[in-house]
């Protein structure tokens, strides 16, 4: 019996409504090109800007 088969048999009737409401599934991959422009630019800042700032911090602290 696999793990999935065991989870089908476990049903807590008192928690069933909450489990159905909160059952959105696991985290999903985020595609920035599908986001609105302000959110997309904010995401681009973190994806590109933060590593550049960290690299600048390392370089500045190395020469100090």
Protein backbone atom coordinates (compact mmCIF):
# COMPACT_ATOMS: atom_id res chain seq x y z
CA UNK A 1 0.00 0.00 0.00
CA UNK A 2 1.57 3.31 -1.07
CA UNK A 3 1.51 6.58 0.87
CA UNK A 4 -1.24 7.94 -1.38
CA UNK A 5 -3.47 4.95 -0.67
CA UNK A 6 -3.07 5.42 3.09
CA UNK A 7 -3.98 9.12 2.92
CA UNK A 8 -7.22 8.33 1.09
CA UNK A 9 -8.42 6.21 4.01
CA UNK A 10 -7.73 8.87 6.64
CA UNK A 11 -10.71 11.20 6.89
CA UNK A 12 -11.39 13.39 9.90
CA UNK A 13 -15.04 14.30 9.53
CA UNK A 14 -14.78 17.26 11.92
CA UNK A 15 -12.00 18.81 9.84
CA UNK A 16 -13.42 17.97 6.41
CA UNK A 17 -14.87 21.48 5.70
CA UNK A 18 -11.63 23.16 6.71
CA UNK A 19 -9.57 20.70 4.68
CA UNK A 20 -11.70 21.39 1.62
CA UNK A 21 -11.39 25.17 2.06
CA UNK A 22 -7.64 25.18 2.64
CA UNK A 23 -6.79 22.44 0.16
CA UNK A 24 -5.18 24.64 -2.49
CA UNK A 25 -2.37 22.20 -3.07
CA UNK A 26 1.36 22.67 -2.80
CA UNK A 27 3.38 25.71 -3.80
CA UNK A 28 3.34 26.41 -7.50
CA UNK A 29 6.12 27.81 -9.67
CA UNK A 30 5.83 31.55 -10.23
CA UNK A 31 6.16 32.88 -13.77
CA UNK A 32 7.00 36.59 -13.68
CA UNK A 33 5.84 37.17 -17.27
CA UNK A 34 2.28 36.28 -16.20
CA UNK A 35 2.21 38.83 -13.37
CA UNK A 36 0.98 42.44 -13.57
CA UNK A 37 3.68 44.99 -14.42
CA UNK A 38 4.26 46.42 -10.89
CA UNK A 39 4.60 42.94 -9.39
CA UNK A 40 6.79 41.84 -12.30
CA UNK A 41 9.17 44.80 -11.87
CA UNK A 42 9.33 44.19 -8.12
CA UNK A 43 10.23 40.55 -8.83
CA UNK A 44 12.86 41.55 -11.38
CA UNK A 45 14.39 43.86 -8.77
CA UNK A 46 14.83 40.97 -6.36
CA UNK A 47 16.01 38.50 -8.98
CA UNK A 48 18.58 40.90 -10.49
CA UNK A 49 19.08 43.75 -8.02
CA UNK A 50 19.66 41.86 -4.79
CA UNK A 51 22.53 39.69 -6.12
CA UNK A 52 24.17 42.80 -7.60
CA UNK A 53 23.86 44.60 -4.25
CA UNK A 54 25.32 41.60 -2.43
CA UNK A 55 28.20 41.42 -4.88
CA UNK A 56 28.86 45.16 -4.41
CA UNK A 57 28.82 44.63 -0.63
CA UNK A 58 31.43 41.89 -0.90
CA UNK A 59 33.64 44.00 -3.17
CA UNK A 60 33.38 47.06 -0.92
CA UNK A 61 34.11 45.07 2.22
CA UNK A 62 37.09 43.39 0.50
CA UNK A 63 38.73 46.72 -0.38
CA UNK A 64 37.98 48.35 2.97
